[in-house]
Protein backbone atom coordinates (compact mmCIF):
# COMPACT_ATOMS: atom_id res chain seq x y z
CA MET A 1 99.70 76.32 103.06
CA ILE A 2 102.07 78.63 101.22
CA ALA A 3 101.04 81.89 99.58
CA ALA A 4 101.94 85.47 98.78
CA ALA A 5 99.15 87.88 99.72
CA ALA A 6 98.76 91.64 99.78
CA GLU A 7 97.66 93.55 102.88
CA ASN A 8 94.04 93.13 101.66
CA ASN A 9 94.71 89.36 101.21
CA ALA A 10 94.68 89.70 97.41
CA ILE A 11 96.58 86.87 95.72
CA GLY A 12 95.66 87.11 92.06
CA LYS A 13 93.59 88.54 89.25
CA ASP A 14 92.57 86.93 85.95
CA ASN A 15 94.46 83.74 86.92
CA ASP A 16 97.76 85.60 87.27
CA LEU A 17 99.90 86.88 90.13
CA LEU A 18 99.71 90.56 91.07
CA TRP A 19 103.48 91.11 91.35
CA HIS A 20 106.86 89.77 90.35
CA LEU A 21 109.06 89.10 93.40
CA PRO A 22 112.08 86.97 92.41
CA LEU A 23 113.19 86.31 95.99
CA ASP A 24 109.67 85.13 96.85
CA PHE A 25 109.81 82.68 93.93
CA LYS A 26 113.16 81.44 95.28
CA HIS A 27 111.67 81.13 98.80
CA PHE A 28 108.71 79.15 97.39
CA LYS A 29 111.06 76.85 95.45
CA THR A 30 113.29 76.27 98.49
CA LEU A 31 110.35 75.34 100.73
CA THR A 32 108.39 73.20 98.26
CA SER A 33 111.12 71.37 96.30
CA GLY A 34 111.05 67.66 96.92
CA HIS A 35 107.50 67.79 98.31
CA THR A 36 103.95 67.37 97.07
CA ILE A 37 102.04 70.52 96.11
CA ILE A 38 98.24 70.62 96.01
CA MET A 39 96.48 73.20 93.86
CA GLY A 40 93.32 73.94 91.97
CA ARG A 41 93.06 73.43 88.23
CA LYS A 42 93.28 77.15 87.42
CA THR A 43 96.47 77.52 89.46
CA PHE A 44 97.98 74.52 87.67
CA GLU A 45 96.98 75.92 84.27
CA SER A 46 98.67 79.24 85.11
CA PHE A 47 102.07 77.47 85.08
CA PRO A 48 103.90 77.19 81.75
CA LYS A 49 104.76 73.59 82.73
CA PRO A 50 104.78 71.49 85.92
CA LEU A 51 107.27 72.76 88.51
CA PRO A 52 110.41 70.61 88.70
CA ASN A 53 111.16 68.30 91.64
CA ARG A 54 107.59 68.36 92.99
CA LYS A 55 104.60 66.05 92.76
CA HIS A 56 101.51 68.01 91.63
CA LEU A 57 98.04 67.09 92.87
CA VAL A 58 95.47 69.08 90.92
CA ILE A 59 91.92 69.44 92.24
CA THR A 60 89.06 69.92 89.79
CA ARG A 61 85.33 69.27 89.60
CA ASN A 62 85.70 68.29 85.93
CA LYS A 63 85.57 64.46 85.94
CA ASP A 64 86.98 64.39 82.38
CA TYR A 65 90.07 66.49 83.24
CA GLN A 66 93.36 64.72 82.54
CA ILE A 67 97.03 65.65 82.77
CA ASP A 68 99.52 63.57 80.82
CA HIS A 69 102.61 64.13 82.97
CA PRO A 70 104.33 61.68 85.35
CA ASP A 71 104.57 64.25 88.18
CA CYS A 72 100.87 65.17 88.08
CA GLU A 73 97.70 63.56 89.44
CA VAL A 74 94.10 64.74 89.14
CA HIS A 75 91.81 64.61 92.19
CA PHE A 76 88.18 65.61 92.53
CA SER A 77 88.32 66.78 96.16
CA LEU A 78 90.81 68.11 98.68
CA GLU A 79 90.09 65.06 100.83
CA THR A 80 91.15 62.57 98.14
CA ALA A 81 94.25 64.63 97.35
CA LEU A 82 95.24 64.64 101.02
CA LYS A 83 94.57 60.91 101.31
CA ALA A 84 97.03 60.39 98.43
CA CYS A 85 99.67 62.18 100.55
CA GLU A 86 99.30 60.11 103.72
CA GLY A 87 102.66 59.39 105.28
CA GLU A 88 104.45 62.28 103.60
CA GLU A 89 106.43 64.57 105.87
CA LYS A 90 105.30 67.84 104.23
CA VAL A 91 102.57 68.71 101.76
CA PHE A 92 101.98 72.26 100.54
CA VAL A 93 98.66 73.73 99.45
CA ILE A 94 99.62 76.41 96.92
CA GLY A 95 96.27 77.86 95.83
CA GLY A 96 94.15 79.32 94.51
CA GLY A 97 91.68 81.15 96.67
CA GLU A 98 89.01 78.44 96.77
CA ILE A 99 91.53 75.70 97.62
CA TYR A 100 93.05 77.89 100.36
CA ARG A 101 89.58 78.38 101.89
CA MET A 102 88.99 74.62 101.91
CA ALA A 103 92.42 73.87 103.41
CA TYR A 104 92.40 76.60 106.07
CA GLU A 105 90.56 74.48 108.66
CA ILE A 106 93.09 71.63 108.46
CA ALA A 107 96.35 73.49 107.75
CA THR A 108 99.01 73.14 110.44
CA THR A 109 101.41 75.79 109.12
CA ILE A 110 101.05 78.86 106.89
CA GLU A 111 104.09 80.17 105.04
CA LEU A 112 102.91 83.62 103.97
CA THR A 113 104.73 86.25 102.00
CA ARG A 114 102.88 89.40 103.07
CA VAL A 115 103.28 91.90 100.23
CA HIS A 116 103.04 95.43 101.59
CA THR A 117 100.47 96.85 99.21
CA SER A 118 96.74 96.50 98.56
CA LEU A 119 95.62 95.74 95.01
CA PRO A 120 92.36 94.89 93.24
CA ALA A 121 91.98 91.15 92.77
CA ASP A 122 89.53 88.34 92.12
CA ALA A 123 91.31 85.74 94.28
CA PHE A 124 92.05 86.14 97.98
CA PHE A 125 93.84 84.32 100.78
CA PRO A 126 91.71 83.62 103.87
CA VAL A 127 92.02 85.96 106.85
CA ILE A 128 94.39 84.36 109.36
CA SER A 129 92.64 84.37 112.73
CA PRO A 130 94.80 84.77 115.85
CA ASN A 131 92.35 82.28 117.42
CA HIS A 132 93.55 79.63 114.97
CA PHE A 133 97.19 80.48 114.23
CA GLN A 134 100.13 81.91 116.14
CA HIS A 135 102.55 84.18 114.28
CA ILE A 136 105.98 82.68 114.98
CA GLN A 137 108.42 84.19 112.49
CA SER A 138 108.93 87.33 110.37
CA THR A 139 111.67 88.26 107.93
CA PRO A 140 111.14 91.72 106.38
CA MET A 141 112.40 92.35 102.85
CA LEU A 142 112.76 95.79 101.26
CA ALA A 143 111.59 96.91 97.85
CA ASP A 144 114.42 97.32 95.34
CA GLU A 145 115.05 97.43 91.60
CA LYS A 146 113.79 93.83 91.22
CA HIS A 147 110.99 93.99 93.81
CA ALA A 148 108.38 96.73 93.34
CA PHE A 149 106.96 96.20 96.84
CA ALA A 150 108.39 95.57 100.28
CA TYR A 151 107.26 92.24 101.71
CA THR A 152 107.70 90.03 104.76
CA PHE A 153 108.19 86.27 104.93
CA GLU A 154 105.91 85.15 107.77
CA ARG A 155 105.26 81.79 109.38
CA PHE A 156 102.16 80.86 111.36
CA LYS A 157 101.57 77.64 113.32
CA ARG A 158 98.17 76.17 114.19
CA ILE A 159 97.21 76.71 117.82
CA ALA A 160 96.36 73.41 119.48
CA SER A 161 92.67 73.07 120.22
CA ASN A 162 91.51 72.32 123.76
CA ASP A 163 88.47 70.39 122.52
């Protein structure tokens, strides 16, 4: 999974991001380019157009939903979207809140940009439990003229289960 979330896990409001962080956009592009991205319909519809150099798998409950674009597929469950990605080296779940909640139990890595603020929102990233994920990397970034908030690029890896 890859996301940017505030200290209160807020990720969006009214189907829009809560901040503009150009270096986070660049980080997202670097990590996801050349890979498949899985998202909910509302997240997909928040883009002006499909993101270049990525295959888009869009999850919706609407059986009539269609996307006429060669880099986009519609799926009606996370399971069928993941099945369509079998054999791929990396697949990124990019949101929104409901899709993140569904993917949390099976995610192996979380690439999180922790934005150092708390804002009102209607979409949230799941709480990352230290029982499920180990924090393995942090790169702090300062606020500046292009970034209203300080933030930290963080990476978490799934802790192997002893079951």
